[in-house]
Amino acid sequence: MYIPSAQSVLTAGLALTGSLTKPRTIVEGSVLDYAVEKCEDSEGHTRCSKPFVVTKSTCYQLEWRTEGTFTHTTAEVRDAGSGELVFYRDTNGDWTPEKGELVYLDFKPKIPATGNQTVHYTVRTCE
């Protein structure tokens, strides 16, 4: 006779409720774009996200929008310790890191003379 362990019962219960696959917000907020390449400029404006931890082989969905009529920004994921570029996206989409690390986001303006715009962003786990 098979008697399930507490772990297998809990895992099955979570799977049935959708808790294992439900997307979860990792970080969200609003910052100025990275026209001035510092996380905090001389006037005290925040220009990159707060650092957050990503896990190896976990899918993350990056979404952002920039205020302004004619603007376009790209998202850059950078290592929080070195500032080194880890990942780059031109449009909303998914990213699966190759290793777990502490990272932050910045958003580079791509149309000349359109910097210093507010960017609203969300990072969540994929569905």
Protein backbone atom coordinates (compact mmCIF):
# COMPACT_ATOMS: atom_id res chain seq x y z
CA MET A 1 0.00 0.00 0.00
CA TYR A 2 1.35 3.43 -1.00
CA ILE A 3 1.16 6.22 1.58
CA PRO A 4 2.09 9.61 0.11
CA SER A 5 4.57 11.77 1.97
CA ALA A 6 3.60 15.20 3.27
CA GLN A 7 5.80 16.78 0.60
CA SER A 8 4.05 15.01 -2.28
CA VAL A 9 0.62 15.93 -0.88
CA LEU A 10 1.65 19.59 -0.51
CA THR A 11 3.16 19.69 -4.01
CA ALA A 12 0.02 18.21 -5.54
CA GLY A 13 -2.15 20.68 -3.64
CA LEU A 14 -0.10 23.66 -4.80
CA ALA A 15 -0.19 22.42 -8.39
CA LEU A 16 -3.96 22.15 -8.29
CA THR A 17 -4.34 25.70 -7.02
CA GLY A 18 -2.00 27.07 -9.70
CA SER A 19 0.45 28.42 -7.13
CA LEU A 20 3.45 26.81 -8.79
CA THR A 21 2.90 28.40 -12.20
CA LYS A 22 1.21 31.69 -11.34
CA PRO A 23 3.31 34.68 -12.47
CA ARG A 24 4.77 36.67 -9.60
CA THR A 25 5.89 40.31 -9.71
CA ILE A 26 9.60 40.59 -8.89
CA VAL A 27 10.03 44.36 -9.16
CA GLU A 28 8.06 47.30 -10.56
CA GLY A 29 8.24 51.05 -10.49
CA SER A 30 9.00 54.25 -12.39
CA VAL A 31 12.35 55.89 -13.09
CA LEU A 32 13.80 58.46 -15.45
CA ASP A 33 15.54 56.95 -18.46
CA TYR A 34 19.31 56.46 -18.46
CA ALA A 35 20.11 59.60 -20.50
CA VAL A 36 22.50 60.44 -17.66
CA GLU A 37 24.34 57.15 -17.14
CA LYS A 38 24.13 56.99 -13.35
CA CYS A 39 21.55 55.34 -11.12
CA GLU A 40 21.15 58.64 -9.29
CA ASP A 41 21.96 61.88 -11.06
CA SER A 42 23.33 65.09 -9.52
CA GLU A 43 19.78 66.37 -8.95
CA GLY A 44 18.78 63.24 -7.02
CA HIS A 45 16.63 61.67 -9.77
CA THR A 46 16.54 57.86 -9.83
CA ARG A 47 17.54 56.49 -13.24
CA CYS A 48 17.58 52.70 -12.69
CA SER A 49 15.57 50.11 -10.78
CA LYS A 50 16.38 48.86 -7.31
CA PRO A 51 18.55 45.73 -7.42
CA PHE A 52 16.73 42.40 -7.46
CA VAL A 53 17.79 38.76 -7.48
CA VAL A 54 17.24 36.54 -10.52
CA THR A 55 17.50 32.76 -10.45
CA LYS A 56 19.32 30.65 -13.04
CA SER A 57 17.02 29.07 -15.67
CA THR A 58 13.92 30.95 -14.45
CA CYS A 59 11.95 32.83 -17.11
CA TYR A 60 11.28 36.53 -16.43
CA GLN A 61 8.94 38.79 -18.38
CA LEU A 62 10.21 42.36 -18.86
CA GLU A 63 7.63 45.06 -19.63
CA TRP A 64 8.06 48.81 -19.81
CA ARG A 65 6.57 51.91 -21.35
CA THR A 66 8.01 55.37 -21.72
CA GLU A 67 5.98 58.53 -21.31
CA GLY A 68 6.14 60.91 -24.24
CA THR A 69 4.68 61.15 -27.72
CA PHE A 70 7.70 60.09 -29.73
CA THR A 71 9.98 58.02 -27.51
CA HIS A 72 11.65 54.64 -27.55
CA THR A 73 13.81 53.12 -24.83
CA THR A 74 15.58 49.79 -24.56
CA ALA A 75 15.89 47.82 -21.35
CA GLU A 76 19.33 46.86 -20.10
CA VAL A 77 19.80 44.33 -17.30
CA ARG A 78 23.07 45.02 -15.48
CA ASP A 79 25.04 43.22 -12.78
CA ALA A 80 24.49 45.16 -9.54
CA GLY A 81 28.10 44.70 -8.40
CA SER A 82 30.01 45.60 -11.55
CA GLY A 83 27.45 47.48 -13.67
CA GLU A 84 28.32 45.09 -16.51
CA LEU A 85 25.62 44.51 -19.15
CA VAL A 86 23.98 41.09 -18.63
CA PHE A 87 21.02 41.28 -21.04
CA TYR A 88 19.47 43.74 -23.50
CA ARG A 89 15.94 43.97 -24.93
CA ASP A 90 14.54 46.37 -27.50
CA THR A 91 10.88 45.46 -26.83
CA ASN A 92 8.83 43.85 -24.05
CA GLY A 93 9.57 40.14 -23.76
CA ASP A 94 11.09 37.24 -21.87
CA TRP A 95 14.57 36.62 -20.47
CA THR A 96 16.01 33.47 -18.89
CA PRO A 97 19.30 34.17 -17.04
CA GLU A 98 22.21 31.77 -17.42
CA LYS A 99 23.13 32.22 -13.75
CA GLY A 100 21.61 33.54 -10.56
CA GLU A 101 22.75 37.04 -9.62
CA LEU A 102 21.78 40.44 -8.25
CA VAL A 103 20.84 42.76 -11.12
CA TYR A 104 19.13 46.09 -11.86
CA LEU A 105 17.40 47.61 -14.91
CA ASP A 106 18.14 50.81 -16.75
CA PHE A 107 16.38 52.16 -19.83
CA LYS A 108 18.37 53.84 -22.61
CA PRO A 109 16.68 56.40 -24.86
CA LYS A 110 17.17 55.41 -28.53
CA ILE A 111 15.76 58.45 -30.34
CA PRO A 112 18.08 61.48 -30.29
CA ALA A 113 16.95 64.42 -28.10
CA THR A 114 14.23 62.39 -26.33
CA GLY A 115 16.02 61.58 -23.06
CA ASN A 116 14.88 62.38 -19.53
CA GLN A 117 11.49 60.68 -19.91
CA THR A 118 9.72 58.65 -17.20
CA VAL A 119 9.74 54.89 -17.72
CA HIS A 120 7.22 52.59 -15.99
CA TYR A 121 8.46 49.00 -15.68
CA THR A 122 7.46 45.58 -14.34
CA VAL A 123 9.46 42.37 -14.07
CA ARG A 124 7.52 39.20 -13.29
CA THR A 125 8.05 35.49 -13.65
CA CYS A 126 6.67 34.01 -16.87
CA GLU A 127 3.38 32.12 -17.02
